[in-house]
């Protein structure tokens, strides 16, 4: 997991070095990137189902998995770009979600 966060932090640092704007603007752009990636998941699902008659079966479920990974990575990079200790913040949030799920028995 250390490698994951090293890569995430490296990507965040590289993006921040490239885009010299206010924190809020950098975070906003990253949020837009996250939404863009989520749209690519939707496009891949539609393609895997062959639901667009014009494009047919343009994707497979491995494409959906890859696009989903891009969403997860974009979210972690956004968290890293927002400062602090992203790994601790994420792990604390994950524990709180797990605790909540255990207490009320409902899926997240």
C-alpha atoms as a PDB file:
ATOM      1  CA  UNK A   1       0.000   0.000   0.000  1.00  0.00           C
ATOM      2  CA  UNK A   2       2.973   2.318   0.545  1.00  0.00           C
ATOM      3  CA  UNK A   3       3.748   2.144  -3.183  1.00  0.00           C
ATOM      4  CA  UNK A   4       0.183   3.153  -3.967  1.00  0.00           C
ATOM      5  CA  UNK A   5       0.375   6.291  -1.860  1.00  0.00           C
ATOM      6  CA  UNK A   6       3.874   7.111  -3.154  1.00  0.00           C
ATOM      7  CA  UNK A   7       2.503   6.994  -6.699  1.00  0.00           C
ATOM      8  CA  UNK A   8      -0.624   8.980  -5.769  1.00  0.00           C
ATOM      9  CA  UNK A   9       1.415  11.673  -4.020  1.00  0.00           C
ATOM     10  CA  UNK A  10       3.874  11.823  -6.913  1.00  0.00           C
ATOM     11  CA  UNK A  11       1.043  12.315  -9.409  1.00  0.00           C
ATOM     12  CA  UNK A  12      -0.516  15.010  -7.225  1.00  0.00           C
ATOM     13  CA  UNK A  13       2.808  16.823  -6.882  1.00  0.00           C
ATOM     14  CA  UNK A  14       3.404  16.691 -10.626  1.00  0.00           C
ATOM     15  CA  UNK A  15      -0.060  18.066 -11.374  1.00  0.00           C
ATOM     16  CA  UNK A  16       0.336  20.844  -8.816  1.00  0.00           C
ATOM     17  CA  UNK A  17       3.712  21.816 -10.284  1.00  0.00           C
ATOM     18  CA  UNK A  18       2.141  22.011 -13.745  1.00  0.00           C
ATOM     19  CA  UNK A  19      -0.968  24.011 -12.771  1.00  0.00           C
ATOM     20  CA  UNK A  20       0.038  27.123 -10.855  1.00  0.00           C
ATOM     21  CA  UNK A  21      -3.310  28.351  -9.547  1.00  0.00           C
ATOM     22  CA  UNK A  22      -5.046  28.752  -6.187  1.00  0.00           C
ATOM     23  CA  UNK A  23      -5.717  25.659  -4.119  1.00  0.00           C
ATOM     24  CA  UNK A  24      -9.450  25.949  -4.700  1.00  0.00           C
ATOM     25  CA  UNK A  25      -9.034  26.146  -8.463  1.00  0.00           C
ATOM     26  CA  UNK A  26      -6.676  23.140  -8.530  1.00  0.00           C
ATOM     27  CA  UNK A  27      -9.159  21.160  -6.443  1.00  0.00           C
ATOM     28  CA  UNK A  28     -12.033  22.224  -8.679  1.00  0.00           C
ATOM     29  CA  UNK A  29     -10.192  21.105 -11.808  1.00  0.00           C
ATOM     30  CA  UNK A  30      -9.392  17.772 -10.135  1.00  0.00           C
ATOM     31  CA  UNK A  31     -13.074  17.355  -9.222  1.00  0.00           C
ATOM     32  CA  UNK A  32     -13.949  17.937 -12.879  1.00  0.00           C
ATOM     33  CA  UNK A  33     -11.345  15.334 -13.871  1.00  0.00           C
ATOM     34  CA  UNK A  34     -12.948  12.897 -11.438  1.00  0.00           C
ATOM     35  CA  UNK A  35     -16.346  13.501 -13.031  1.00  0.00           C
ATOM     36  CA  UNK A  36     -14.835  13.049 -16.503  1.00  0.00           C
ATOM     37  CA  UNK A  37     -13.433   9.676 -15.465  1.00  0.00           C
ATOM     38  CA  UNK A  38     -16.819   8.647 -14.024  1.00  0.00           C
ATOM     39  CA  UNK A  39     -18.376   9.454 -17.396  1.00  0.00           C
ATOM     40  CA  UNK A  40     -15.846   7.137 -19.034  1.00  0.00           C
ATOM     41  CA  UNK A  41     -17.018   4.331 -16.739  1.00  0.00           C
ATOM     42  CA  UNK A  42     -20.580   4.959 -17.910  1.00  0.00           C
ATOM     43  CA  UNK A  43     -19.453   4.967 -21.547  1.00  0.00           C
ATOM     44  CA  UNK A  44     -17.616   1.668 -21.033  1.00  0.00           C
ATOM     45  CA  UNK A  45     -20.647   0.050 -19.371  1.00  0.00           C
ATOM     46  CA  UNK A  46     -22.876   1.154 -22.242  1.00  0.00           C
ATOM     47  CA  UNK A  47     -20.305  -0.256 -24.658  1.00  0.00           C
ATOM     48  CA  UNK A  48     -19.986  -3.535 -22.747  1.00  0.00           C
ATOM     49  CA  UNK A  49     -23.765  -3.959 -22.871  1.00  0.00           C
ATOM     50  CA  UNK A  50     -23.960  -2.969 -26.535  1.00  0.00           C
ATOM     51  CA  UNK A  51     -26.613  -0.456 -25.523  1.00  0.00           C
ATOM     52  CA  UNK A  52     -25.672   2.158 -28.120  1.00  0.00           C
ATOM     53  CA  UNK A  53     -26.967   0.877 -31.482  1.00  0.00           C
ATOM     54  CA  UNK A  54     -24.608   3.170 -33.357  1.00  0.00           C
ATOM     55  CA  UNK A  55     -21.484   1.826 -31.597  1.00  0.00           C
ATOM     56  CA  UNK A  56     -22.519  -1.726 -30.684  1.00  0.00           C
ATOM     57  CA  UNK A  57     -20.249  -3.664 -28.345  1.00  0.00           C
ATOM     58  CA  UNK A  58     -17.435  -1.117 -28.234  1.00  0.00           C
ATOM     59  CA  UNK A  59     -16.081  -2.098 -24.792  1.00  0.00           C
ATOM     60  CA  UNK A  60     -15.743  -5.147 -22.585  1.00  0.00           C
ATOM     61  CA  UNK A  61     -15.920  -5.588 -18.811  1.00  0.00           C
ATOM     62  CA  UNK A  62     -12.131  -5.278 -18.498  1.00  0.00           C
ATOM     63  CA  UNK A  63     -12.511  -1.791 -20.003  1.00  0.00           C
ATOM     64  CA  UNK A  64     -15.067  -1.043 -17.282  1.00  0.00           C
ATOM     65  CA  UNK A  65     -12.613  -2.248 -14.630  1.00  0.00           C
ATOM     66  CA  UNK A  66      -9.826  -0.060 -16.065  1.00  0.00           C
ATOM     67  CA  UNK A  67     -12.062   3.003 -16.169  1.00  0.00           C
ATOM     68  CA  UNK A  68     -13.190   2.297 -12.608  1.00  0.00           C
ATOM     69  CA  UNK A  69      -9.536   2.208 -11.546  1.00  0.00           C
ATOM     70  CA  UNK A  70      -9.077   5.602 -13.223  1.00  0.00           C
ATOM     71  CA  UNK A  71     -11.967   6.961 -11.115  1.00  0.00           C
ATOM     72  CA  UNK A  72     -10.429   5.585  -7.915  1.00  0.00           C
ATOM     73  CA  UNK A  73      -7.008   6.968  -8.802  1.00  0.00           C
ATOM     74  CA  UNK A  74      -8.426  10.385  -9.686  1.00  0.00           C
ATOM     75  CA  UNK A  75     -10.244  10.484  -6.343  1.00  0.00           C
ATOM     76  CA  UNK A  76      -7.094   9.584  -4.404  1.00  0.00           C
ATOM     77  CA  UNK A  77      -5.075  12.170  -6.338  1.00  0.00           C
ATOM     78  CA  UNK A  78      -7.712  14.784  -5.493  1.00  0.00           C
ATOM     79  CA  UNK A  79      -7.466  13.844  -1.830  1.00  0.00           C
ATOM     80  CA  UNK A  80      -3.665  14.156  -1.993  1.00  0.00           C
ATOM     81  CA  UNK A  81      -3.867  17.519  -3.745  1.00  0.00           C
ATOM     82  CA  UNK A  82      -6.031  18.844  -0.921  1.00  0.00           C
ATOM     83  CA  UNK A  83      -3.119  18.569   1.514  1.00  0.00           C
ATOM     84  CA  UNK A  84      -2.684  17.076   4.922  1.00  0.00           C
ATOM     85  CA  UNK A  85      -2.096  13.348   5.223  1.00  0.00           C
ATOM     86  CA  UNK A  86      -4.329  11.803   2.540  1.00  0.00           C
ATOM     87  CA  UNK A  87      -3.539   8.231   3.523  1.00  0.00           C
ATOM     88  CA  UNK A  88      -4.535   8.761   7.174  1.00  0.00           C
ATOM     89  CA  UNK A  89      -7.615  10.723   6.161  1.00  0.00           C
ATOM     90  CA  UNK A  90      -8.715   7.972   3.761  1.00  0.00           C
ATOM     91  CA  UNK A  91      -8.041   5.158   6.218  1.00  0.00           C
ATOM     92  CA  UNK A  92      -9.913   6.982   8.991  1.00  0.00           C
ATOM     93  CA  UNK A  93     -12.862   7.541   6.664  1.00  0.00           C
ATOM     94  CA  UNK A  94     -12.775   3.903   5.551  1.00  0.00           C
ATOM     95  CA  UNK A  95     -12.884   2.754   9.187  1.00  0.00           C
ATOM     96  CA  UNK A  96     -15.838   5.041   9.918  1.00  0.00           C
ATOM     97  CA  UNK A  97     -17.728   3.659   6.927  1.00  0.00           C
ATOM     98  CA  UNK A  98     -16.954   0.098   8.038  1.00  0.00           C
ATOM     99  CA  UNK A  99     -18.069   0.886  11.597  1.00  0.00           C
ATOM    100  CA  UNK A 100     -21.280   2.471  10.367  1.00  0.00           C
ATOM    101  CA  UNK A 101     -21.954  -0.512   8.111  1.00  0.00           C
ATOM    102  CA  UNK A 102     -21.371  -2.930  10.995  1.00  0.00           C
ATOM    103  CA  UNK A 103     -23.674  -0.990  13.319  1.00  0.00           C
ATOM    104  CA  UNK A 104     -26.691  -0.607  11.072  1.00  0.00           C
ATOM    105  CA  UNK A 105     -26.165  -3.651   8.868  1.00  0.00           C
ATOM    106  CA  UNK A 106     -26.873  -1.742   5.678  1.00  0.00           C
ATOM    107  CA  UNK A 107     -24.499  -1.715   2.706  1.00  0.00           C
ATOM    108  CA  UNK A 108     -22.661   1.504   1.888  1.00  0.00           C
END
